[in-house]
Amino acid sequence: MDGRGGLVGFQWMFLIYGLITVLVGISLLWWLPDRPLPPGQIREKGGWRKFIPKNKPALEGEDARIHYEDLTRVYHQPAWKFRDFLRVFMDWRLWPLLMMYFGVVGVGIGVQNYGNVIIASINPNLSGIDISLLFAPIWIMDLIAILLVTPFSDRFNHHRALFFSIPVCIQIIGLVVTTYAGGPDNPWPRYGGLLIIGFGLGPTVPITMTWTSEIFQPRHGELGVAAASAIVSGWGNCGSILTTYALYEGWSADARPGPKQFRKSNLVMIGILCASIVSSLVLTVLLRFCGGEPGRMNVDDSGHGAVLITDGAARREARQRGLRSLWRR
């Protein structure tokens, strides 16, 4: 489609993606159910809302009542204040999670930005289409790993550090292969290293964010989870700044063409990943010996009735499911 209608390829891509996004957004009016109402209450739509299609409730009858009571008990909490945010910000459990995210996102963005450059260095004769086709399987491997690893991470949720560290070690293996494998006669093992990196990348970010939610929900409530997730994902993305501007083409001495191109950048990323593994292990040890207690309870506006508010999902995650009921429905 490049050149058709006076538009270059990326313009067509933006138009098609934008059109699909708009159509999906409109379809959500029919697809997603409305917020649950108190049992017995009927939703009256007035003004412009009467033009929005009426959706079938996600739950009905007794299921709807139980779900609504659970929501009102869990999510009706006192107004959050700035000191609550500071309490989350000063919680020591936040910082190992941030370092975990920093490392894996830094490597992920590094591969995203410079994977095609590495592929081009393997064979300078590849066309742009060839490079794009070779680049896509890296993220297919990423998806496969997410589908394979994260369900078991959820079932063995008391071992998040293990399910995080093993994929990170796989990334390190991929970086070593990309750095040292192959030779002038056959450089393609370096591409195999990129596929290994993609496989290792997949589960790490979902596991980090899930662990963040598990740790902060009982201590700071759902707004604390939102604040902690924002800090971890926001500041953790500084890892992408490092890999984008300080490594690879940002490191001119390391970007010189040749058999050692990007070698030092890859070794720096291995170091960052090792720091992520250490952070996950340190967090596990500290949670077990000095940080496993729930911490702050949720209190009502009058300052009375200090009760720990958890929903059904949080109660389920308090115990490890393992492989029980894996095949039963």
C-alpha atoms as a PDB file:
ATOM      1  CA  MET A   1       0.000   0.000   0.000  1.00  0.00           C
ATOM      2  CA  ASP A   2       3.040   2.257   0.166  1.00  0.00           C
ATOM      3  CA  GLY A   3       2.404   5.174  -2.194  1.00  0.00           C
ATOM      4  CA  ARG A   4      -1.289   4.485  -2.808  1.00  0.00           C
ATOM      5  CA  GLY A   5      -3.506   7.537  -2.535  1.00  0.00           C
ATOM      6  CA  GLY A   6      -0.465   9.720  -2.028  1.00  0.00           C
ATOM      7  CA  LEU A   7       0.211   8.172   1.391  1.00  0.00           C
ATOM      8  CA  VAL A   8       3.349   6.379   2.480  1.00  0.00           C
ATOM      9  CA  GLY A   9       3.245   3.089   4.356  1.00  0.00           C
ATOM     10  CA  PHE A  10       3.310   4.381   7.925  1.00  0.00           C
ATOM     11  CA  GLN A  11       0.438   6.812   7.157  1.00  0.00           C
ATOM     12  CA  TRP A  12      -1.717   3.934   5.944  1.00  0.00           C
ATOM     13  CA  MET A  13      -0.768   1.975   9.047  1.00  0.00           C
ATOM     14  CA  PHE A  14      -1.830   4.841  11.353  1.00  0.00           C
ATOM     15  CA  LEU A  15      -5.118   5.276   9.483  1.00  0.00           C
ATOM     16  CA  ILE A  16      -5.996   1.571   9.608  1.00  0.00           C
ATOM     17  CA  TYR A  17      -5.029   1.216  13.264  1.00  0.00           C
ATOM     18  CA  GLY A  18      -6.971   4.359  14.119  1.00  0.00           C
ATOM     19  CA  LEU A  19     -10.080   3.163  12.266  1.00  0.00           C
ATOM     20  CA  ILE A  20      -9.976  -0.224  14.019  1.00  0.00           C
ATOM     21  CA  THR A  21      -9.579   1.515  17.402  1.00  0.00           C
ATOM     22  CA  VAL A  22     -12.558   3.805  16.765  1.00  0.00           C
ATOM     23  CA  LEU A  23     -14.776   0.901  15.663  1.00  0.00           C
ATOM     24  CA  VAL A  24     -13.803  -1.183  18.700  1.00  0.00           C
ATOM     25  CA  GLY A  25     -14.503   1.811  20.959  1.00  0.00           C
ATOM     26  CA  ILE A  26     -17.984   2.227  19.509  1.00  0.00           C
ATOM     27  CA  SER A  27     -18.662  -1.505  19.798  1.00  0.00           C
ATOM     28  CA  LEU A  28     -17.988  -1.313  23.543  1.00  0.00           C
ATOM     29  CA  LEU A  29     -21.328   0.488  23.917  1.00  0.00           C
ATOM     30  CA  TRP A  30     -22.985  -2.851  23.092  1.00  0.00           C
ATOM     31  CA  TRP A  31     -20.294  -5.145  24.431  1.00  0.00           C
ATOM     32  CA  LEU A  32     -19.483  -3.969  27.972  1.00  0.00           C
ATOM     33  CA  PRO A  33     -22.169  -4.064  30.686  1.00  0.00           C
ATOM     34  CA  ASP A  34     -23.037  -1.014  32.804  1.00  0.00           C
ATOM     35  CA  ARG A  35     -21.911  -0.607  36.391  1.00  0.00           C
ATOM     36  CA  PRO A  36     -23.916  -2.781  38.791  1.00  0.00           C
ATOM     37  CA  LEU A  37     -26.917  -1.226  40.531  1.00  0.00           C
ATOM     38  CA  PRO A  38     -28.285  -1.990  44.009  1.00  0.00           C
ATOM     39  CA  PRO A  39     -30.535  -5.056  43.919  1.00  0.00           C
ATOM     40  CA  GLY A  40     -34.009  -4.189  42.687  1.00  0.00           C
ATOM     41  CA  GLN A  41     -33.054  -0.798  41.264  1.00  0.00           C
ATOM     42  CA  ILE A  42     -33.730  -0.090  37.587  1.00  0.00           C
ATOM     43  CA  ARG A  43     -31.419   2.096  35.533  1.00  0.00           C
ATOM     44  CA  GLU A  44     -33.220   5.145  34.153  1.00  0.00           C
ATOM     45  CA  LYS A  45     -31.515   6.814  31.234  1.00  0.00           C
ATOM     46  CA  GLY A  46     -32.165  10.428  30.443  1.00  0.00           C
ATOM     47  CA  GLY A  47     -30.708  13.076  28.191  1.00  0.00           C
ATOM     48  CA  TRP A  48     -28.032  11.869  25.823  1.00  0.00           C
ATOM     49  CA  ARG A  49     -27.737   8.570  27.700  1.00  0.00           C
ATOM     50  CA  LYS A  50     -31.060   7.370  26.320  1.00  0.00           C
ATOM     51  CA  PHE A  51     -29.375   7.025  22.917  1.00  0.00           C
ATOM     52  CA  ILE A  52     -26.831   4.550  24.298  1.00  0.00           C
ATOM     53  CA  PRO A  53     -27.891   0.946  23.718  1.00  0.00           C
ATOM     54  CA  LYS A  54     -29.215  -0.956  26.720  1.00  0.00           C
ATOM     55  CA  ASN A  55     -26.807  -3.663  27.777  1.00  0.00           C
ATOM     56  CA  LYS A  56     -27.570  -6.964  29.407  1.00  0.00           C
ATOM     57  CA  PRO A  57     -26.232  -7.086  32.998  1.00  0.00           C
ATOM     58  CA  ALA A  58     -23.126  -9.181  33.517  1.00  0.00           C
ATOM     59  CA  LEU A  59     -24.785 -10.906  36.492  1.00  0.00           C
ATOM     60  CA  GLU A  60     -28.403 -11.410  37.506  1.00  0.00           C
ATOM     61  CA  GLY A  61     -30.349 -12.587  40.536  1.00  0.00           C
ATOM     62  CA  GLU A  62     -28.443 -13.848  43.551  1.00  0.00           C
ATOM     63  CA  ASP A  63     -25.097 -13.572  41.767  1.00  0.00           C
ATOM     64  CA  ALA A  64     -25.716  -9.879  41.096  1.00  0.00           C
ATOM     65  CA  ARG A  65     -26.635  -9.238  44.760  1.00  0.00           C
ATOM     66  CA  ILE A  66     -23.534 -10.973  46.110  1.00  0.00           C
ATOM     67  CA  HIS A  67     -21.314  -9.182  43.608  1.00  0.00           C
ATOM     68  CA  TYR A  68     -22.801  -5.781  44.463  1.00  0.00           C
ATOM     69  CA  GLU A  69     -22.381  -6.318  48.209  1.00  0.00           C
ATOM     70  CA  ASP A  70     -18.779  -7.386  47.688  1.00  0.00           C
ATOM     71  CA  LEU A  71     -18.084  -4.282  45.595  1.00  0.00           C
ATOM     72  CA  THR A  72     -19.647  -1.868  48.074  1.00  0.00           C
ATOM     73  CA  ARG A  73     -17.776  -3.462  50.971  1.00  0.00           C
ATOM     74  CA  VAL A  74     -14.414  -3.414  49.234  1.00  0.00           C
ATOM     75  CA  TYR A  75     -14.475  -0.227  47.207  1.00  0.00           C
ATOM     76  CA  HIS A  76     -16.385   2.182  49.429  1.00  0.00           C
ATOM     77  CA  GLN A  77     -13.518   3.685  51.383  1.00  0.00           C
ATOM     78  CA  PRO A  78     -12.598   7.065  52.920  1.00  0.00           C
ATOM     79  CA  ALA A  79     -11.387   9.817  50.619  1.00  0.00           C
ATOM     80  CA  TRP A  80      -7.735   9.459  49.773  1.00  0.00           C
ATOM     81  CA  LYS A  81      -5.401  12.249  50.843  1.00  0.00           C
ATOM     82  CA  PHE A  82      -1.872  13.212  49.892  1.00  0.00           C
ATOM     83  CA  ARG A  83      -0.511  11.599  53.053  1.00  0.00           C
ATOM     84  CA  ASP A  84      -1.960   8.298  51.856  1.00  0.00           C
ATOM     85  CA  PHE A  85       0.041   8.639  48.674  1.00  0.00           C
ATOM     86  CA  LEU A  86       3.156   9.432  50.721  1.00  0.00           C
ATOM     87  CA  ARG A  87       2.508   6.316  52.776  1.00  0.00           C
ATOM     88  CA  VAL A  88       2.559   4.269  49.574  1.00  0.00           C
ATOM     89  CA  PHE A  89       5.591   6.146  48.259  1.00  0.00           C
ATOM     90  CA  MET A  90       7.562   5.515  51.461  1.00  0.00           C
ATOM     91  CA  ASP A  91       6.619   1.835  51.663  1.00  0.00           C
ATOM     92  CA  TRP A  92       9.904  -0.044  51.284  1.00  0.00           C
ATOM     93  CA  ARG A  93       8.162  -2.851  49.391  1.00  0.00           C
ATOM     94  CA  LEU A  94       7.713  -0.512  46.428  1.00  0.00           C
ATOM     95  CA  TRP A  95      11.379  -0.139  45.559  1.00  0.00           C
ATOM     96  CA  PRO A  96      12.381  -3.750  44.860  1.00  0.00           C
ATOM     97  CA  LEU A  97       9.358  -3.966  42.569  1.00  0.00           C
ATOM     98  CA  LEU A  98      10.485  -0.803  40.799  1.00  0.00           C
ATOM     99  CA  MET A  99      13.972  -2.251  40.259  1.00  0.00           C
ATOM    100  CA  MET A 100      12.462  -5.465  38.896  1.00  0.00           C
ATOM    101  CA  TYR A 101      10.385  -3.478  36.417  1.00  0.00           C
ATOM    102  CA  PHE A 102      13.312  -1.186  35.559  1.00  0.00           C
ATOM    103  CA  GLY A 103      15.445  -4.074  34.373  1.00  0.00           C
ATOM    104  CA  VAL A 104      12.967  -6.059  32.326  1.00  0.00           C
ATOM    105  CA  VAL A 105      11.340  -3.030  30.688  1.00  0.00           C
ATOM    106  CA  GLY A 106      14.742  -1.582  29.879  1.00  0.00           C
ATOM    107  CA  VAL A 107      15.687  -4.783  28.061  1.00  0.00           C
ATOM    108  CA  GLY A 108      12.275  -5.000  26.392  1.00  0.00           C
ATOM    109  CA  ILE A 109      12.465  -1.466  25.019  1.00  0.00           C
ATOM    110  CA  GLY A 110      16.073  -2.040  23.997  1.00  0.00           C
ATOM    111  CA  VAL A 111      15.023  -5.064  21.936  1.00  0.00           C
ATOM    112  CA  GLN A 112      12.001  -3.204  20.587  1.00  0.00           C
ATOM    113  CA  ASN A 113      14.103  -0.255  19.422  1.00  0.00           C
ATOM    114  CA  TYR A 114      17.237  -2.023  18.285  1.00  0.00           C
ATOM    115  CA  GLY A 115      16.212  -5.584  17.508  1.00  0.00           C
ATOM    116  CA  ASN A 116      15.818  -4.660  13.845  1.00  0.00           C
ATOM    117  CA  VAL A 117      19.268  -3.015  13.919  1.00  0.00           C
ATOM    118  CA  ILE A 118      20.770  -6.226  15.311  1.00  0.00           C
ATOM    119  CA  ILE A 119      18.976  -8.260  12.638  1.00  0.00           C
ATOM    120  CA  ALA A 120      20.285  -5.908   9.931  1.00  0.00           C
ATOM    121  CA  SER A 121      23.831  -6.312  11.291  1.00  0.00           C
ATOM    122  CA  ILE A 122      23.501 -10.091  10.909  1.00  0.00           C
ATOM    123  CA  ASN A 123      22.890  -9.714   7.176  1.00  0.00           C
ATOM    124  CA  PRO A 124      23.236  -6.211   5.704  1.00  0.00           C
ATOM    125  CA  ASN A 125      21.598  -7.430   2.478  1.00  0.00           C
ATOM    126  CA  LEU A 126      18.182  -7.931   4.087  1.00  0.00           C
ATOM    127  CA  SER A 127      15.408  -5.672   2.844  1.00  0.00           C
ATOM    128  CA  GLY A 128      13.158  -3.664   5.148  1.00  0.00           C
ATOM    129  CA  ILE A 129      10.350  -6.200   4.661  1.00  0.00           C
ATOM    130  CA  ASP A 130      12.709  -9.082   5.473  1.00  0.00           C
ATOM    131  CA  ILE A 131      13.787  -7.361   8.678  1.00  0.00           C
ATOM    132  CA  SER A 132      10.154  -6.716   9.693  1.00  0.00           C
ATOM    133  CA  LEU A 133       9.211 -10.352   9.055  1.00  0.00           C
ATOM    134  CA  LEU A 134      12.162 -11.537  11.134  1.00  0.00           C
ATOM    135  CA  PHE A 135      11.353  -9.030  13.878  1.00  0.00           C
ATOM    136  CA  ALA A 136       7.768 -10.219  14.395  1.00  0.00           C
ATOM    137  CA  PRO A 137       8.602 -13.746  15.723  1.00  0.00           C
ATOM    138  CA  ILE A 138      10.404 -12.158  18.693  1.00  0.00           C
ATOM    139  CA  TRP A 139       7.050 -10.902  19.980  1.00  0.00           C
ATOM    140  CA  ILE A 140       5.268 -14.110  19.045  1.00  0.00           C
ATOM    141  CA  MET A 141       7.701 -15.856  21.400  1.00  0.00           C
ATOM    142  CA  ASP A 142       6.834 -13.170  23.966  1.00  0.00           C
ATOM    143  CA  LEU A 143       3.123 -14.010  23.673  1.00  0.00           C
ATOM    144  CA  ILE A 144       3.725 -17.764  23.879  1.00  0.00           C
ATOM    145  CA  ALA A 145       5.676 -17.334  27.119  1.00  0.00           C
ATOM    146  CA  ILE A 146       2.933 -15.165  28.649  1.00  0.00           C
ATOM    147  CA  LEU A 147       0.321 -17.818  27.892  1.00  0.00           C
ATOM    148  CA  LEU A 148       2.518 -20.623  29.247  1.00  0.00           C
ATOM    149  CA  VAL A 149       4.023 -19.092  32.386  1.00  0.00           C
ATOM    150  CA  THR A 150       1.577 -16.583  33.891  1.00  0.00           C
ATOM    151  CA  PRO A 151      -1.223 -19.128  34.630  1.00  0.00           C
ATOM    152  CA  PHE A 152       1.210 -21.191  36.705  1.00  0.00           C
ATOM    153  CA  SER A 153       2.543 -18.051  38.361  1.00  0.00           C
ATOM    154  CA  ASP A 154      -1.012 -17.291  39.503  1.00  0.00           C
ATOM    155  CA  ARG A 155      -1.557 -20.829  40.765  1.00  0.00           C
ATOM    156  CA  PHE A 156       1.742 -20.830  42.675  1.00  0.00           C
ATOM    157  CA  ASN A 157       1.491 -17.187  43.710  1.00  0.00           C
ATOM    158  CA  HIS A 158       3.647 -17.710  46.806  1.00  0.00           C
ATOM    159  CA  HIS A 159       6.604 -18.204  44.465  1.00  0.00           C
ATOM    160  CA  ARG A 160       6.389 -15.064  42.338  1.00  0.00           C
ATOM    161  CA  ALA A 161      10.159 -14.480  42.580  1.00  0.00           C
ATOM    162  CA  LEU A 162      10.845 -17.913  41.070  1.00  0.00           C
ATOM    163  CA  PHE A 163       8.452 -17.380  38.146  1.00  0.00           C
ATOM    164  CA  PHE A 164      10.014 -13.947  37.621  1.00  0.00           C
ATOM    165  CA  SER A 165      13.652 -14.977  37.910  1.00  0.00           C
ATOM    166  CA  ILE A 166      13.533 -17.970  35.558  1.00  0.00           C
ATOM    167  CA  PRO A 167      12.303 -15.891  32.559  1.00  0.00           C
ATOM    168  CA  VAL A 168      14.887 -13.225  33.418  1.00  0.00           C
ATOM    169  CA  CYS A 169      17.588 -15.910  33.342  1.00  0.00           C
ATOM    170  CA  ILE A 170      16.246 -16.943  29.936  1.00  0.00           C
ATOM    171  CA  GLN A 171      16.675 -13.330  28.803  1.00  0.00           C
ATOM    172  CA  ILE A 172      20.274 -13.382  30.043  1.00  0.00           C
ATOM    173  CA  ILE A 173      20.912 -16.585  28.075  1.00  0.00           C
ATOM    174  CA  GLY A 174      19.423 -14.929  24.986  1.00  0.00           C
ATOM    175  CA  LEU A 175      21.628 -11.868  25.417  1.00  0.00           C
ATOM    176  CA  VAL A 176      24.714 -14.075  25.775  1.00  0.00           C
ATOM    177  CA  VAL A 177      23.765 -15.971  22.618  1.00  0.00           C
ATOM    178  CA  THR A 178      23.105 -12.733  20.734  1.00  0.00           C
ATOM    179  CA  THR A 179      26.457 -11.383  21.885  1.00  0.00           C
ATOM    180  CA  TYR A 180      28.805 -14.309  21.415  1.00  0.00           C
ATOM    181  CA  ALA A 181      27.157 -16.953  19.234  1.00  0.00           C
ATOM    182  CA  GLY A 182      27.855 -17.406  15.544  1.00  0.00           C
ATOM    183  CA  GLY A 183      30.718 -16.103  13.504  1.00  0.00           C
ATOM    184  CA  PRO A 184      31.525 -14.366  10.227  1.00  0.00           C
ATOM    185  CA  ASP A 185      30.478 -17.433   8.226  1.00  0.00           C
ATOM    186  CA  ASN A 186      27.211 -18.045  10.103  1.00  0.00           C
ATOM    187  CA  PRO A 187      25.947 -15.115  12.209  1.00  0.00           C
ATOM    188  CA  TRP A 188      22.346 -16.404  12.393  1.00  0.00           C
ATOM    189  CA  PRO A 189      22.658 -17.905  15.895  1.00  0.00           C
ATOM    190  CA  ARG A 190      22.505 -14.279  17.040  1.00  0.00           C
ATOM    191  CA  TYR A 191      18.940 -14.171  15.740  1.00  0.00           C
ATOM    192  CA  GLY A 192      18.148 -17.241  17.803  1.00  0.00           C
ATOM    193  CA  GLY A 193      19.337 -15.268  20.810  1.00  0.00           C
ATOM    194  CA  LEU A 194      16.775 -12.549  20.041  1.00  0.00           C
ATOM    195  CA  LEU A 195      14.008 -15.192  19.989  1.00  0.00           C
ATOM    196  CA  ILE A 196      15.182 -16.463  23.371  1.00  0.00           C
ATOM    197  CA  ILE A 197      15.120 -12.901  24.749  1.00  0.00           C
ATOM    198  CA  GLY A 198      11.563 -12.463  23.474  1.00  0.00           C
ATOM    199  CA  PHE A 199      10.460 -15.652  25.215  1.00  0.00           C
ATOM    200  CA  GLY A 200      12.027 -14.532  28.475  1.00  0.00           C
ATOM    201  CA  LEU A 201      10.514 -11.062  28.301  1.00  0.00           C
ATOM    202  CA  GLY A 202       6.897 -12.167  28.092  1.00  0.00           C
ATOM    203  CA  PRO A 203       5.944 -13.108  31.674  1.00  0.00           C
ATOM    204  CA  THR A 204       8.136 -10.639  33.569  1.00  0.00           C
ATOM    205  CA  VAL A 205       6.040  -7.461  33.376  1.00  0.00           C
ATOM    206  CA  PRO A 206       2.674  -9.183  34.124  1.00  0.00           C
ATOM    207  CA  ILE A 207       4.228 -10.981  37.103  1.00  0.00           C
ATOM    208  CA  THR A 208       5.749  -7.756  38.437  1.00  0.00           C
ATOM    209  CA  MET A 209       2.474  -5.832  38.229  1.00  0.00           C
ATOM    210  CA  THR A 210       0.461  -8.729  39.692  1.00  0.00           C
ATOM    211  CA  TRP A 211       2.873  -8.984  42.599  1.00  0.00           C
ATOM    212  CA  THR A 212       2.543  -5.228  43.132  1.00  0.00           C
ATOM    213  CA  SER A 213      -1.228  -5.592  43.397  1.00  0.00           C
ATOM    214  CA  GLU A 214      -0.985  -8.552  45.792  1.00  0.00           C
ATOM    215  CA  ILE A 215       1.390  -6.713  48.111  1.00  0.00           C
ATOM    216  CA  PHE A 216      -0.326  -3.308  48.193  1.00  0.00           C
ATOM    217  CA  GLN A 217      -4.021  -4.288  48.152  1.00  0.00           C
ATOM    218  CA  PRO A 218      -4.203  -5.507  51.773  1.00  0.00           C
ATOM    219  CA  ARG A 219      -1.969  -2.691  53.032  1.00  0.00           C
ATOM    220  CA  HIS A 220      -3.214   0.368  51.149  1.00  0.00           C
ATOM    221  CA  GLY A 221      -6.448  -0.581  49.394  1.00  0.00           C
ATOM    222  CA  GLU A 222      -7.273  -0.338  45.706  1.00  0.00           C
ATOM    223  CA  LEU A 223      -6.163   3.294  45.419  1.00  0.00           C
ATOM    224  CA  GLY A 224      -2.862   2.266  46.934  1.00  0.00           C
ATOM    225  CA  VAL A 225      -2.583  -0.402  44.264  1.00  0.00           C
ATOM    226  CA  ALA A 226      -3.244   2.239  41.602  1.00  0.00           C
ATOM    227  CA  ALA A 227      -0.620   4.577  43.077  1.00  0.00           C
ATOM    228  CA  ALA A 228       1.966   1.818  43.484  1.00  0.00           C
ATOM    229  CA  SER A 229       1.332   0.519  39.948  1.00  0.00           C
ATOM    230  CA  ALA A 230       1.739   4.035  38.552  1.00  0.00           C
ATOM    231  CA  ILE A 231       5.030   4.536  40.393  1.00  0.00           C
ATOM    232  CA  VAL A 232       6.416   1.130  39.425  1.00  0.00           C
ATOM    233  CA  SER A 233       5.435   1.403  35.769  1.00  0.00           C
ATOM    234  CA  GLY A 234       6.211   5.123  35.460  1.00  0.00           C
ATOM    235  CA  TRP A 235       9.586   5.300  37.156  1.00  0.00           C
ATOM    236  CA  GLY A 236      10.446   1.810  36.014  1.00  0.00           C
ATOM    237  CA  ASN A 237      10.233   3.026  32.440  1.00  0.00           C
ATOM    238  CA  CYS A 238      13.398   4.995  33.133  1.00  0.00           C
ATOM    239  CA  GLY A 239      15.037   1.721  32.174  1.00  0.00           C
ATOM    240  CA  SER A 240      13.830   2.351  28.637  1.00  0.00           C
ATOM    241  CA  ILE A 241      15.509   5.779  28.696  1.00  0.00           C
ATOM    242  CA  LEU A 242      18.803   4.099  29.600  1.00  0.00           C
ATOM    243  CA  THR A 243      18.611   1.521  26.834  1.00  0.00           C
ATOM    244  CA  THR A 244      17.329   4.024  24.253  1.00  0.00           C
ATOM    245  CA  TYR A 245      19.764   6.885  24.727  1.00  0.00           C
ATOM    246  CA  ALA A 246      22.779   5.462  26.579  1.00  0.00           C
ATOM    247  CA  LEU A 247      23.193   2.068  24.911  1.00  0.00           C
ATOM    248  CA  TYR A 248      23.337   0.696  21.367  1.00  0.00           C
ATOM    249  CA  GLU A 249      23.355   3.567  18.863  1.00  0.00           C
ATOM    250  CA  GLY A 250      23.532   6.041  21.759  1.00  0.00           C
ATOM    251  CA  TRP A 251      26.913   4.478  22.639  1.00  0.00           C
ATOM    252  CA  SER A 252      28.910   5.424  19.562  1.00  0.00           C
ATOM    253  CA  ALA A 253      31.960   3.309  20.403  1.00  0.00           C
ATOM    254  CA  ASP A 254      29.756   0.255  20.851  1.00  0.00           C
ATOM    255  CA  ALA A 255      27.744   0.859  17.670  1.00  0.00           C
ATOM    256  CA  ARG A 256      30.685   0.511  15.279  1.00  0.00           C
ATOM    257  CA  PRO A 257      30.000  -2.184  12.668  1.00  0.00           C
ATOM    258  CA  GLY A 258      31.857  -5.405  13.206  1.00  0.00           C
ATOM    259  CA  PRO A 259      31.707  -8.693  15.098  1.00  0.00           C
ATOM    260  CA  LYS A 260      31.714  -6.883  18.457  1.00  0.00           C
ATOM    261  CA  GLN A 261      28.935  -4.437  17.586  1.00  0.00           C
ATOM    262  CA  PHE A 262      26.588  -3.818  20.552  1.00  0.00           C
ATOM    263  CA  ARG A 263      28.536  -6.304  22.715  1.00  0.00           C
ATOM    264  CA  LYS A 264      29.035  -3.869  25.608  1.00  0.00           C
ATOM    265  CA  SER A 265      25.397  -2.730  25.452  1.00  0.00           C
ATOM    266  CA  ASN A 266      24.240  -6.338  25.727  1.00  0.00           C
ATOM    267  CA  LEU A 267      26.523  -6.900  28.718  1.00  0.00           C
ATOM    268  CA  VAL A 268      25.129  -3.798  30.444  1.00  0.00           C
ATOM    269  CA  MET A 269      21.607  -5.162  29.949  1.00  0.00           C
ATOM    270  CA  ILE A 270      22.710  -8.472  31.482  1.00  0.00           C
ATOM    271  CA  GLY A 271      23.878  -6.510  34.512  1.00  0.00           C
ATOM    272  CA  ILE A 272      20.514  -4.735  34.749  1.00  0.00           C
ATOM    273  CA  LEU A 273      18.695  -8.071  34.607  1.00  0.00           C
ATOM    274  CA  CYS A 274      20.879  -9.483  37.371  1.00  0.00           C
ATOM    275  CA  ALA A 275      19.845  -6.501  39.505  1.00  0.00           C
ATOM    276  CA  SER A 276      16.189  -7.367  38.799  1.00  0.00           C
ATOM    277  CA  ILE A 277      16.694 -10.953  39.940  1.00  0.00           C
ATOM    278  CA  VAL A 278      18.438  -9.819  43.128  1.00  0.00           C
ATOM    279  CA  SER A 279      15.586  -7.357  43.804  1.00  0.00           C
ATOM    280  CA  SER A 280      12.954 -10.103  43.509  1.00  0.00           C
ATOM    281  CA  LEU A 281      14.878 -12.403  45.863  1.00  0.00           C
ATOM    282  CA  VAL A 282      15.482  -9.621  48.388  1.00  0.00           C
ATOM    283  CA  LEU A 283      11.770  -8.738  48.330  1.00  0.00           C
ATOM    284  CA  THR A 284      10.813 -12.365  48.928  1.00  0.00           C
ATOM    285  CA  VAL A 285      13.149 -12.712  51.909  1.00  0.00           C
ATOM    286  CA  LEU A 286      12.082  -9.407  53.461  1.00  0.00           C
ATOM    287  CA  LEU A 287       8.384 -10.183  53.030  1.00  0.00           C
ATOM    288  CA  ARG A 288       8.842 -13.528  54.715  1.00  0.00           C
ATOM    289  CA  PHE A 289      10.800 -12.314  57.728  1.00  0.00           C
ATOM    290  CA  CYS A 290       9.851  -8.692  58.319  1.00  0.00           C
ATOM    291  CA  GLY A 291       7.180  -7.491  55.922  1.00  0.00           C
ATOM    292  CA  GLY A 292       4.475 -10.084  55.567  1.00  0.00           C
ATOM    293  CA  GLU A 293       1.959  -8.446  57.877  1.00  0.00           C
ATOM    294  CA  PRO A 294      -0.890  -6.479  56.238  1.00  0.00           C
ATOM    295  CA  GLY A 295       0.192  -3.138  57.730  1.00  0.00           C
ATOM    296  CA  ARG A 296      -2.380  -0.328  57.650  1.00  0.00           C
ATOM    297  CA  MET A 297      -6.023  -1.288  58.072  1.00  0.00           C
ATOM    298  CA  ASN A 298      -8.813   0.567  56.335  1.00  0.00           C
ATOM    299  CA  VAL A 299     -10.818   2.775  58.667  1.00  0.00           C
ATOM    300  CA  ASP A 300     -14.133   4.441  58.101  1.00  0.00           C
ATOM    301  CA  ASP A 301     -14.584   8.215  58.057  1.00  0.00           C
ATOM    302  CA  SER A 302     -15.314   8.376  61.776  1.00  0.00           C
ATOM    303  CA  GLY A 303     -12.054   6.681  62.614  1.00  0.00           C
ATOM    304  CA  HIS A 304     -13.812   3.593  63.978  1.00  0.00           C
ATOM    305  CA  GLY A 305     -14.132   0.041  62.853  1.00  0.00           C
ATOM    306  CA  ALA A 306     -10.615  -0.753  61.729  1.00  0.00           C
ATOM    307  CA  VAL A 307     -11.153  -3.705  59.457  1.00  0.00           C
ATOM    308  CA  LEU A 308      -9.026  -5.179  56.748  1.00  0.00           C
ATOM    309  CA  ILE A 309     -11.029  -4.969  53.541  1.00  0.00           C
ATOM    310  CA  THR A 310     -10.457  -7.711  51.015  1.00  0.00           C
ATOM    311  CA  ASP A 311     -12.512  -8.983  48.140  1.00  0.00           C
ATOM    312  CA  GLY A 312     -13.095 -12.552  47.066  1.00  0.00           C
ATOM    313  CA  ALA A 313     -10.130 -12.545  44.701  1.00  0.00           C
ATOM    314  CA  ALA A 314      -7.820 -11.318  47.471  1.00  0.00           C
ATOM    315  CA  ARG A 315      -9.066 -14.061  49.794  1.00  0.00           C
ATOM    316  CA  ARG A 316      -8.405 -16.667  47.122  1.00  0.00           C
ATOM    317  CA  GLU A 317      -4.891 -15.359  46.547  1.00  0.00           C
ATOM    318  CA  ALA A 318      -4.156 -15.650  50.281  1.00  0.00           C
ATOM    319  CA  ARG A 319      -3.889 -19.388  49.760  1.00  0.00           C
ATOM    320  CA  GLN A 320      -1.943 -21.055  47.000  1.00  0.00           C
ATOM    321  CA  ARG A 321      -4.110 -23.036  44.607  1.00  0.00           C
ATOM    322  CA  GLY A 322      -1.340 -25.085  43.020  1.00  0.00           C
ATOM    323  CA  LEU A 323      -2.638 -27.602  40.519  1.00  0.00           C
ATOM    324  CA  ARG A 324      -5.870 -28.231  42.416  1.00  0.00           C
ATOM    325  CA  SER A 325      -9.031 -27.996  40.306  1.00  0.00           C
ATOM    326  CA  LEU A 326      -6.910 -27.371  37.199  1.00  0.00           C
ATOM    327  CA  TRP A 327      -8.979 -29.808  35.145  1.00  0.00           C
ATOM    328  CA  ARG A 328     -12.289 -29.390  36.976  1.00  0.00           C
ATOM    329  CA  ARG A 329     -14.950 -26.842  36.106  1.00  0.00           C
END
